[in-house]
Amino acid sequence: MNIVIWDTDSSRINNIERNLRMAMKQLGISGRVSSMSEPPLLGRQGLLGKTPVLEHNGLYWSLSPGEEIHLEQCLSLLTKLRNLEKQKRPEGMS
């Protein structure tokens, strides 16, 4: 599972990345966490003023602009994403 953190606040990015990695570890999910903090790219995606935003497979998720995404929230999101990915797999594959 690959997740991109879209934000311009480096401290918040670091905290969210830590929370995502902890949640992934707790849930046994492997993957990569990266960040995108370039204002022109955030602007092109229409995300300025909405950050932090998490992206997975081209889908964007956010809670409250300007607020850190906490461990419990990361656990909830990753659980939902994992369940969606399981539903999309063909029968017989796990």
Protein backbone atom coordinates (compact mmCIF):
# COMPACT_ATOMS: atom_id res chain seq x y z
CA MET A 1 0.00 0.00 0.00
CA ASN A 2 1.46 3.33 -1.04
CA ILE A 3 0.31 6.60 0.50
CA VAL A 4 1.32 10.17 -0.32
CA ILE A 5 0.99 12.93 2.27
CA TRP A 6 0.16 16.24 0.57
CA ASP A 7 1.04 19.16 2.87
CA THR A 8 3.34 22.17 3.17
CA ASP A 9 3.99 21.93 6.91
CA SER A 10 7.14 19.80 7.40
CA SER A 11 6.51 19.18 11.10
CA ARG A 12 2.98 17.98 10.42
CA ILE A 13 4.21 15.81 7.53
CA ASN A 14 6.72 14.13 9.87
CA ASN A 15 4.06 13.48 12.53
CA ILE A 16 1.56 12.09 10.03
CA GLU A 17 4.23 9.92 8.42
CA ARG A 18 5.12 8.51 11.85
CA ASN A 19 1.44 7.84 12.58
CA LEU A 20 0.91 6.13 9.22
CA ARG A 21 3.99 3.93 9.67
CA MET A 22 2.88 2.95 13.19
CA ALA A 23 -0.62 2.14 11.91
CA MET A 24 0.77 0.10 9.03
CA LYS A 25 2.97 -1.84 11.42
CA GLN A 26 0.08 -2.51 13.83
CA LEU A 27 -2.12 -3.73 10.97
CA GLY A 28 0.62 -5.76 9.28
CA ILE A 29 0.42 -3.68 6.10
CA SER A 30 3.52 -3.23 3.99
CA GLY A 31 3.96 -0.26 1.75
CA ARG A 32 5.52 3.12 1.26
CA VAL A 33 4.75 6.53 2.69
CA SER A 34 5.98 9.58 0.80
CA SER A 35 5.20 13.28 0.82
CA MET A 36 4.52 16.03 -1.67
CA SER A 37 4.98 19.56 -0.40
CA GLU A 38 5.49 21.68 -3.53
CA PRO A 39 2.92 24.53 -3.50
CA PRO A 40 2.56 24.62 -7.32
CA LEU A 41 1.67 20.91 -7.38
CA LEU A 42 -0.69 21.30 -4.43
CA GLY A 43 -2.34 24.17 -6.31
CA ARG A 44 -2.71 22.17 -9.53
CA GLN A 45 -4.38 19.37 -7.60
CA GLY A 46 -6.72 21.86 -5.92
CA LEU A 47 -5.40 20.97 -2.46
CA LEU A 48 -4.15 24.34 -1.21
CA GLY A 49 -6.07 25.26 1.93
CA LYS A 50 -7.24 21.66 2.37
CA THR A 51 -4.04 20.07 3.65
CA PRO A 52 -3.08 17.70 5.07
CA VAL A 53 -4.45 15.30 2.47
CA LEU A 54 -3.59 11.63 2.02
CA GLU A 55 -3.57 10.03 -1.43
CA HIS A 56 -3.87 6.33 -2.21
CA ASN A 57 -4.37 4.99 -5.75
CA GLY A 58 -5.42 8.42 -7.01
CA LEU A 59 -8.04 8.91 -4.30
CA TYR A 60 -7.72 11.77 -1.80
CA TRP A 61 -8.71 11.74 1.87
CA SER A 62 -8.66 14.53 4.44
CA LEU A 63 -10.25 15.43 7.73
CA SER A 64 -9.73 18.93 9.08
CA PRO A 65 -7.56 21.40 7.19
CA GLY A 66 -4.51 22.45 9.19
CA GLU A 67 -4.79 19.62 11.71
CA GLU A 68 -2.57 16.60 12.15
CA ILE A 69 -3.97 13.17 11.26
CA HIS A 70 -3.58 11.10 14.43
CA LEU A 71 -2.72 7.43 14.86
CA GLU A 72 -6.32 6.37 15.54
CA GLN A 73 -7.47 8.12 12.37
CA CYS A 74 -4.68 6.47 10.36
CA LEU A 75 -5.67 3.07 11.76
CA SER A 76 -9.29 3.66 10.74
CA LEU A 77 -8.38 4.78 7.22
CA LEU A 78 -5.90 1.97 6.60
CA THR A 79 -8.37 -0.63 7.86
CA LYS A 80 -11.00 0.67 5.43
CA LEU A 81 -8.52 0.76 2.54
CA ARG A 82 -7.32 -2.77 3.28
CA ASN A 83 -10.92 -4.03 3.35
CA LEU A 84 -11.69 -2.30 0.04
CA GLU A 85 -8.62 -3.85 -1.57
CA LYS A 86 -9.67 -7.30 -0.32
CA GLN A 87 -13.13 -6.81 -1.86
CA LYS A 88 -11.62 -5.89 -5.25
CA ARG A 89 -9.50 -9.07 -5.50
CA PRO A 90 -10.82 -11.88 -7.68
CA GLU A 91 -12.19 -14.92 -5.85
CA GLY A 92 -9.56 -17.37 -4.71
CA MET A 93 -6.90 -14.70 -4.22
CA SER A 94 -6.07 -13.45 -0.76
